[in-house]
Protein backbone atom coordinates (compact mmCIF):
# COMPACT_ATOMS: atom_id res chain seq x y z
CA MET A 1 -6.64 -4.26 -29.48
CA TYR A 2 -6.14 -2.03 -26.74
CA TYR A 3 -9.22 -0.55 -25.50
CA GLY A 4 -10.04 3.02 -27.07
CA GLN A 5 -9.55 6.58 -25.18
CA HIS A 6 -13.17 6.82 -24.77
CA TYR A 7 -14.35 3.25 -24.24
CA TYR A 8 -16.89 3.59 -20.90
CA ILE A 9 -19.42 0.94 -19.86
CA ASP A 10 -22.89 2.09 -19.02
CA ASN A 11 -23.16 0.26 -15.56
CA GLN A 12 -26.49 0.71 -13.78
CA HIS A 13 -24.79 -0.89 -10.49
CA ASP A 14 -22.01 1.72 -10.40
CA PRO A 15 -21.83 4.75 -12.74
CA SER A 16 -18.41 5.53 -11.64
CA LEU A 17 -17.07 2.07 -13.39
CA TYR A 18 -15.49 2.66 -16.57
CA TYR A 19 -12.46 1.05 -18.56
CA SER A 20 -10.56 3.11 -20.61
CA SER A 21 -6.92 3.57 -22.01
CA LEU A 22 -4.81 5.97 -19.90
CA PRO A 23 -2.23 7.57 -21.66
CA SER A 24 1.51 7.56 -19.15
CA THR A 25 1.82 11.35 -20.47
CA GLN A 26 -1.06 12.71 -18.46
CA PRO A 27 0.13 15.77 -16.54
CA ILE A 28 0.21 15.29 -12.49
CA SER A 29 -2.79 16.44 -11.03
CA THR A 30 -2.30 18.66 -7.49
CA VAL A 31 -4.30 17.56 -4.56
CA GLU A 32 -6.68 20.28 -4.91
CA ASP A 33 -8.00 19.22 -8.53
CA HIS A 34 -9.62 16.25 -7.41
CA HIS A 35 -12.94 15.93 -5.31
CA LEU A 36 -14.57 11.97 -5.26
CA PRO A 37 -17.87 11.58 -5.48
CA PRO A 38 -19.97 9.74 -2.50
CA PRO A 39 -18.89 5.96 -2.14
CA PRO A 40 -20.90 3.90 -4.20
CA PRO A 41 -22.51 1.32 -2.64
CA PRO A 42 -20.78 -1.87 -1.67
CA LEU A 43 -20.15 -4.49 -4.13
CA THR A 44 -20.43 -7.25 -2.08
CA THR A 45 -22.21 -8.72 1.18
CA ASN A 46 -18.93 -10.18 2.73
CA GLN A 47 -17.25 -7.72 4.49
CA HIS A 48 -15.15 -10.31 6.75
CA ASP A 49 -12.76 -11.92 4.54
CA PRO A 50 -12.28 -8.97 1.20
CA THR A 51 -9.99 -10.76 -0.23
CA GLN A 52 -12.34 -13.80 -1.08
CA SER A 53 -15.29 -11.91 -2.31
CA TYR A 54 -16.47 -12.28 -6.23
CA THR A 55 -18.86 -10.47 -8.21
CA PRO A 56 -20.16 -11.53 -11.35
CA LEU A 57 -19.27 -9.89 -14.42
CA GLU A 58 -22.58 -9.25 -15.74
CA GLU A 59 -23.25 -7.20 -13.12
CA ILE A 60 -20.02 -4.53 -13.14
CA GLY A 61 -20.43 -4.29 -16.91
CA TYR A 62 -17.59 -6.49 -17.93
CA PRO A 63 -16.18 -5.24 -21.35
CA TYR A 64 -16.14 -7.48 -24.43
CA PRO A 65 -12.69 -9.47 -24.92
CA THR A 66 -10.09 -7.80 -26.94
CA PHE A 67 -9.11 -9.72 -30.39
CA GLU A 68 -5.12 -9.50 -29.56
CA ASP A 69 -3.63 -11.81 -27.05
CA PRO A 70 -1.73 -9.93 -24.74
CA ALA A 71 0.98 -12.84 -25.32
CA ILE A 72 1.53 -11.24 -28.62
CA LEU A 73 1.43 -7.39 -27.27
CA PHE A 74 3.82 -8.12 -24.66
CA GLU A 75 7.05 -9.85 -24.07
CA LYS A 76 6.95 -11.58 -20.60
CA ILE A 77 10.34 -10.80 -19.08
CA GLY A 78 9.94 -12.65 -15.80
CA GLN A 79 7.90 -12.51 -12.47
CA VAL A 80 8.01 -9.91 -10.26
CA GLY A 81 5.27 -10.37 -7.73
CA GLU A 82 2.12 -12.79 -6.55
CA GLY A 83 -0.93 -11.78 -5.21
CA THR A 84 -4.03 -12.64 -3.79
CA TYR A 85 -5.75 -12.79 -7.23
CA GLY A 86 -2.76 -13.10 -9.99
CA LYS A 87 0.59 -12.53 -10.93
CA VAL A 88 2.62 -9.76 -11.89
CA TYR A 89 5.27 -9.81 -14.66
CA LYS A 90 7.68 -7.31 -15.70
CA ALA A 91 7.23 -7.39 -19.65
CA ARG A 92 7.86 -5.54 -22.45
CA ASN A 93 5.79 -3.44 -25.10
CA CYS A 94 6.53 -5.34 -28.52
CA LYS A 95 5.72 -2.49 -30.30
CA THR A 96 7.20 0.59 -28.21
CA GLY A 97 9.84 -1.37 -26.39
CA GLN A 98 8.68 0.22 -22.93
CA LEU A 99 9.19 -1.68 -20.05
CA LEU A 100 5.83 -2.15 -18.14
CA ALA A 101 4.13 -4.33 -15.11
CA LEU A 102 1.47 -6.51 -16.53
CA LYS A 103 -0.74 -7.84 -13.51
CA ARG A 104 -3.03 -11.08 -14.79
CA ILE A 105 -6.08 -11.78 -12.44
CA ARG A 106 -7.14 -14.66 -12.40
CA MET A 107 -10.37 -16.04 -12.97
CA LYS A 108 -11.99 -18.77 -10.79
CA THR A 109 -15.01 -19.80 -12.88
CA ASP A 110 -17.58 -17.81 -14.57
CA LYS A 111 -20.24 -18.32 -12.07
CA GLU A 112 -17.92 -16.90 -9.14
CA GLY A 113 -16.91 -14.07 -11.44
CA PHE A 114 -14.48 -11.12 -11.00
CA PRO A 115 -12.29 -10.48 -7.71
CA ILE A 116 -13.69 -7.63 -5.41
CA THR A 117 -10.29 -7.04 -4.19
CA ALA A 118 -9.21 -6.62 -8.31
CA MET A 119 -12.46 -4.50 -8.98
CA ARG A 120 -11.68 -2.17 -6.02
CA GLU A 121 -7.87 -1.72 -6.99
CA ILE A 122 -9.17 -1.17 -10.72
CA LYS A 123 -11.89 1.53 -10.03
CA LEU A 124 -9.58 3.45 -7.93
CA LEU A 125 -6.80 3.29 -9.73
CA GLN A 126 -8.56 4.98 -12.84
CA LYS A 127 -9.58 7.80 -10.76
CA LEU A 128 -5.95 8.61 -9.03
CA ARG A 129 -3.22 10.87 -11.13
CA HIS A 130 -0.50 11.72 -8.82
CA GLU A 131 3.24 11.33 -9.00
CA ARG A 132 3.56 9.34 -5.88
CA ILE A 133 0.74 6.83 -7.21
CA VAL A 134 1.58 4.12 -9.68
CA LEU A 135 -0.28 4.58 -12.83
CA LEU A 136 -2.67 2.28 -14.53
CA GLN A 137 -2.31 2.48 -18.02
CA GLU A 138 -4.71 -0.07 -20.01
CA ILE A 139 -7.04 -2.56 -19.09
CA LEU A 140 -7.00 -5.58 -21.44
CA VAL A 141 -9.54 -8.88 -21.30
CA SER A 142 -8.42 -12.14 -23.12
CA LYS A 143 -9.54 -15.26 -23.07
CA GLY A 144 -10.96 -15.47 -19.50
CA SER A 145 -8.21 -13.13 -18.31
CA VAL A 146 -8.29 -9.76 -17.33
CA TYR A 147 -4.97 -7.79 -17.30
CA MET A 148 -3.82 -4.66 -15.73
CA VAL A 149 -1.17 -2.77 -17.59
CA LEU A 150 0.70 -0.65 -15.07
CA GLU A 151 4.03 1.39 -15.31
CA TYR A 152 7.01 -0.46 -14.53
CA MET A 153 9.18 0.35 -11.19
CA ASP A 154 12.51 -1.30 -10.52
CA HIS A 155 12.10 -2.29 -7.12
CA ASP A 156 9.89 -2.21 -3.88
CA LEU A 157 11.54 -1.27 -0.10
CA SER A 158 10.93 -4.72 0.88
CA GLY A 159 13.17 -5.97 -1.69
CA ILE A 160 15.85 -3.13 -1.43
CA LEU A 161 15.68 -3.81 2.56
CA GLY A 162 16.16 -7.39 1.93
CA HIS A 163 19.38 -6.94 -0.37
CA PRO A 164 22.34 -8.25 1.60
CA ASP A 165 24.52 -5.20 0.77
CA PHE A 166 22.37 -2.32 0.18
CA ARG A 167 21.79 0.23 2.88
CA PHE A 168 20.07 3.38 2.69
CA GLU A 169 21.81 6.61 3.81
CA PRO A 170 19.90 9.25 6.39
CA ALA A 171 19.23 11.54 3.49
CA HIS A 172 17.69 8.95 1.40
CA ALA A 173 15.46 7.48 4.24
CA LYS A 174 14.24 11.32 4.54
CA SER A 175 13.48 11.76 1.10
CA LEU A 176 11.45 7.97 0.71
CA THR A 177 9.62 8.83 3.89
CA LYS A 178 8.70 12.14 2.76
CA GLN A 179 7.55 10.76 -0.40
CA ILE A 180 5.34 7.98 1.52
CA LEU A 181 3.58 10.79 3.42
CA GLN A 182 2.81 12.80 -0.05
CA GLY A 183 1.35 9.87 -1.42
CA LEU A 184 -0.60 9.20 1.36
CA ALA A 185 -1.71 13.00 1.96
CA TYR A 186 -2.99 12.72 -1.64
CA LEU A 187 -4.78 9.50 -0.97
CA HIS A 188 -6.66 10.88 2.18
CA HIS A 189 -7.37 14.09 0.59
CA MET A 190 -9.18 12.31 -2.05
CA GLY A 191 -11.00 10.18 0.44
CA ILE A 192 -8.85 6.72 -0.11
CA LEU A 193 -7.87 4.39 3.10
CA HIS A 194 -5.03 2.19 1.75
CA ARG A 195 -5.31 -0.27 4.36
CA ASP A 196 -2.18 -2.25 3.19
CA MET A 197 0.81 -0.03 4.03
CA LYS A 198 3.92 -1.99 3.61
CA GLY A 199 7.48 -2.15 1.93
CA SER A 200 6.15 -4.56 -0.74
CA ASN A 201 3.24 -2.30 -1.69
CA LEU A 202 5.58 0.90 -2.08
CA LEU A 203 7.70 0.92 -5.20
CA VAL A 204 10.80 2.91 -6.33
CA ASN A 205 12.52 3.50 -9.64
CA ASN A 206 16.20 3.49 -10.04
CA LYS A 207 16.30 7.55 -10.11
CA GLY A 208 14.99 7.20 -6.06
CA GLU A 209 11.25 7.83 -6.99
CA LEU A 210 8.53 6.07 -5.12
CA LYS A 211 5.22 5.51 -5.74
CA ILE A 212 2.33 3.90 -3.67
CA ALA A 213 0.66 0.57 -5.24
CA ASP A 214 -1.63 -2.47 -4.61
CA PHE A 215 -5.27 -0.95 -3.85
CA GLY A 216 -6.77 -4.36 -3.35
CA LEU A 217 -7.79 -3.67 0.32
CA ALA A 218 -8.61 0.47 -0.25
CA ARG A 219 -11.90 1.69 0.17
CA ILE A 220 -13.50 5.24 0.09
CA PHE A 221 -14.41 6.44 3.45
CA ARG A 222 -16.53 9.64 4.35
CA LYS A 223 -14.30 12.43 6.00
CA ASN A 224 -15.44 13.55 9.18
CA GLN A 225 -17.76 10.62 9.60
CA PRO A 226 -17.26 7.43 11.19
CA GLY A 227 -17.29 4.02 9.38
CA ASP A 228 -17.72 0.86 10.69
CA TYR A 229 -15.16 -1.31 8.25
CA THR A 230 -13.91 -4.80 9.04
CA ASN A 231 -10.61 -4.75 11.09
CA ARG A 232 -9.39 -7.81 8.91
CA VAL A 233 -7.16 -5.88 7.03
CA ILE A 234 -3.21 -4.48 6.94
CA THR A 235 -0.63 -7.14 6.78
CA LEU A 236 0.19 -7.95 10.37
CA TRP A 237 3.51 -6.32 11.15
CA TYR A 238 1.84 -2.96 10.23
CA ARG A 239 -1.42 -3.30 11.24
CA PRO A 240 -2.15 -0.37 14.55
CA PRO A 241 -3.03 -1.75 17.99
CA GLU A 242 -6.77 -0.32 17.43
CA LEU A 243 -7.33 -3.10 14.94
CA LEU A 244 -5.68 -5.67 16.75
CA LEU A 245 -7.81 -4.67 19.71
CA GLY A 246 -10.76 -5.14 17.68
CA ALA A 247 -11.77 -1.66 16.09
CA THR A 248 -14.14 -1.20 13.38
CA THR A 249 -14.56 2.21 13.39
CA TYR A 250 -11.33 3.77 12.12
CA ASP A 251 -9.67 6.32 9.77
CA THR A 252 -6.63 7.66 8.35
CA ALA A 253 -4.46 6.80 11.27
CA VAL A 254 -4.35 3.13 10.57
CA ASP A 255 -2.39 4.23 7.30
CA VAL A 256 -0.13 6.45 9.33
CA TRP A 257 1.04 3.64 11.76
CA GLY A 258 2.29 1.84 8.79
CA VAL A 259 4.28 4.86 7.53
CA GLY A 260 5.91 4.88 11.40
CA CYS A 261 6.69 0.98 11.08
CA ILE A 262 8.30 1.59 7.39
CA MET A 263 10.28 4.34 8.56
CA LEU A 264 12.10 2.88 11.38
CA GLU A 265 12.78 0.12 9.12
CA PHE A 266 15.00 2.60 7.09
CA PHE A 267 17.43 3.06 10.25
CA VAL A 268 16.91 -0.37 11.72
CA GLY A 269 17.19 -2.74 8.77
CA LYS A 270 14.11 -5.00 9.64
CA PRO A 271 10.40 -5.04 10.74
CA ILE A 272 10.37 -3.52 14.51
CA PHE A 273 7.03 -5.41 15.53
CA ASN A 274 7.38 -8.77 13.73
CA GLY A 275 4.79 -11.00 15.64
CA THR A 276 3.31 -14.41 14.25
CA ASP A 277 -0.20 -13.67 15.16
CA GLU A 278 -2.27 -11.20 16.60
CA ILE A 279 -1.44 -11.82 20.30
CA SER A 280 2.08 -11.77 20.01
CA GLN A 281 1.96 -8.62 17.53
CA LEU A 282 0.40 -7.16 20.38
CA ASP A 283 2.95 -8.15 22.95
CA SER A 284 5.73 -7.08 20.19
CA ILE A 285 4.12 -3.17 20.11
CA TYR A 286 3.86 -3.48 23.92
CA LYS A 287 7.65 -4.52 24.67
CA ILE A 288 8.42 -1.40 22.87
CA MET A 289 5.64 1.20 22.72
CA GLY A 290 4.41 0.26 26.39
CA THR A 291 1.06 -1.29 27.44
CA PRO A 292 -1.69 0.98 26.78
CA THR A 293 -3.49 2.86 29.92
CA LYS A 294 -6.46 5.28 30.10
CA ASP A 295 -3.81 8.13 30.56
CA ILE A 296 -2.21 8.12 27.43
CA TRP A 297 -5.37 6.31 25.65
CA PRO A 298 -8.58 7.45 27.14
CA THR A 299 -11.01 4.90 25.00
CA VAL A 300 -8.67 2.05 24.92
CA ASP A 301 -11.09 0.16 27.10
CA GLU A 302 -13.83 0.82 24.90
CA LEU A 303 -12.16 -1.48 22.61
CA PRO A 304 -13.89 -4.90 21.86
CA TRP A 305 -11.14 -7.00 22.62
CA TYR A 306 -9.53 -4.90 24.92
CA GLU A 307 -10.26 -7.01 27.80
CA LEU A 308 -9.81 -10.23 26.05
CA VAL A 309 -5.99 -9.87 25.20
CA ARG A 310 -5.27 -7.58 28.40
CA PRO A 311 -1.65 -8.52 29.41
CA LYS A 312 -0.76 -9.40 32.76
CA GLU A 313 2.32 -7.77 33.33
CA HIS A 314 2.90 -3.95 32.46
CA CYS A 315 5.03 -2.66 29.81
CA GLU A 316 6.81 0.26 30.14
CA ASN A 317 7.55 2.74 26.58
CA VAL A 318 11.37 2.25 26.08
CA PHE A 319 10.75 3.56 22.08
CA ARG A 320 13.36 6.70 23.20
CA ASP A 321 15.91 4.56 24.81
CA THR A 322 15.61 1.77 22.01
CA PHE A 323 15.83 3.76 19.28
CA LYS A 324 17.87 7.09 20.19
CA SER A 325 21.09 5.92 19.18
CA MET A 326 20.12 5.10 15.42
CA LEU A 327 17.54 8.64 14.76
CA THR A 328 18.46 12.32 14.71
CA PRO A 329 16.26 14.03 17.15
CA GLY A 330 13.89 14.80 14.39
CA ALA A 331 13.46 11.81 13.11
CA LEU A 332 13.01 10.11 16.47
CA ALA A 333 10.05 12.70 17.31
CA LEU A 334 8.39 11.91 13.75
CA SER A 335 8.66 8.34 14.44
CA GLU A 336 7.28 8.65 17.81
CA ALA A 337 4.48 10.60 16.77
CA LEU A 338 3.42 8.25 13.67
CA LEU A 339 3.48 5.28 16.35
CA SER A 340 1.57 6.80 18.83
CA MET A 341 -0.67 4.35 20.73
CA ASP A 342 -3.65 6.76 20.64
CA PRO A 343 -4.67 6.77 17.20
CA LYS A 344 -6.06 10.61 17.64
CA ASN A 345 -2.70 11.45 18.79
CA ARG A 346 -1.14 10.34 15.39
CA PRO A 347 -0.57 13.19 12.92
CA THR A 348 -2.14 13.11 9.49
CA ALA A 349 -0.18 12.56 6.46
CA ALA A 350 -0.20 16.29 5.84
CA GLU A 351 0.74 17.57 9.37
CA ALA A 352 3.70 14.71 9.40
CA LEU A 353 5.52 16.74 6.38
CA GLU A 354 5.28 19.91 8.68
CA PHE A 355 7.93 18.17 11.27
CA GLU A 356 11.14 19.95 11.84
CA TYR A 357 12.50 16.53 10.43
CA PHE A 358 11.72 17.57 6.64
CA LYS A 359 11.74 20.91 7.43
CA THR A 360 14.95 22.34 8.94
CA GLU A 361 16.72 19.23 10.28
CA GLU A 362 19.70 18.13 8.42
CA PRO A 363 20.75 16.36 6.41
CA LYS A 364 18.18 17.53 3.28
CA ASP A 365 16.68 14.86 1.47
CA ILE A 366 18.36 13.26 -1.38
CA LEU A 367 16.90 11.02 -3.86
CA PRO A 368 18.46 7.74 -3.41
CA ALA A 369 19.72 7.93 -7.10
CA ASN A 370 22.69 5.06 -6.04
CA LEU A 371 19.77 2.11 -6.27
CA MET A 372 21.34 2.59 -9.93
CA ASP A 373 24.34 0.80 -9.00
CA MET A 374 22.31 -2.22 -8.04
CA ASN A 375 22.83 -5.29 -9.84
CA ASP A 376 19.08 -6.40 -11.01
CA ASP A 377 15.82 -5.66 -10.10
CA TRP A 378 15.01 -6.07 -6.29
CA HIS A 379 11.48 -6.74 -5.42
CA ASP A 380 10.21 -8.81 -2.24
CA PHE A 381 8.98 -11.35 -4.53
CA GLU A 382 12.49 -11.85 -6.15
CA SER A 383 14.75 -11.09 -2.41
CA LYS A 384 12.29 -14.18 -1.20
CA GLN A 385 13.26 -16.36 -4.15
CA ARG A 386 16.81 -15.70 -4.12
CA LYS A 387 17.25 -16.66 -0.47
CA ARG A 388 15.14 -19.54 -1.01
CA LYS A 389 17.66 -20.43 -3.50
CA GLN A 390 20.37 -19.92 -1.26
CA ALA A 391 19.06 -21.64 1.73
CA ALA A 392 18.43 -25.11 -0.59
CA ILE A 393 22.42 -24.89 -1.56
């Protein structure tokens, strides 16, 4: 049985938490319609490894199990993803025929309880309503497993960029970058840091419409009030230099850096900063953006690991020389701003949308509707599977 439209949980630990059925036909809200309450108290004392934190079911007002097996309600078509706490399947609603994404959350043991990353994602997605944010439709519980029922998107950016024959046109790259920034501007307005901006978390349907997904590392922050957070977030290739240098006080600029990395991937076709560990990642950044100095980043020497990982040789900034032949002047200016070494110099997502690249520079942004011509769905998970099969031949 689906949970009813008005099923709520009386939870003394976190009254903002509820489970309910969320119809996919709800109107999209504008940014101004929403204001989040102050962040709830932390659900775990483990701040260093958020992917391994669990909270007992009884502490979060866990709902009673459904009487129907999700295997009866939904037909699994194939696996399209796998995360820290479960697998994601492309599925079909047996009653309506609607395609959807079914995210099964692994329950380790009753004693360990419910993964805090899954808890965080569910709580945030139930609050968010925007055309650039993936829609959570249902929460189901059956036989010790929790299922998140999400709208289905045909591809993700990593999967598309890994396609051997597909390339984005400049107008398509502009449209997708704009859509990412629109979604991020909404999240930041709502007081939410995503903290894992990367291609595989940016879903795209065959119409070229993009939505931000995977909120397992996201958190609420207080605007204009520095917070002390873990720096063990954001996938390495998209992690900004301040986190790599040990910062634990940060803001929305960490997400903006990731958008800059993704934007360049549209034009280059691959990640531009691709280290194998934190040190080599910094080295990869420095070789293009230059070694940070107090002239361009006045507070860089105050970061905890600055002296520890300070390179012996100074690198000059070669960003414009490297990319000016691939990008228009407007695209070059925007991407350079998004990748400012000093986080204080990065534009907000809302400010980035006002750049000349979007306002006046040709070509105008166009949805990449040619995605309909692609054979099959292309997600990062499927793309890697295909590459492994080809390598084994």
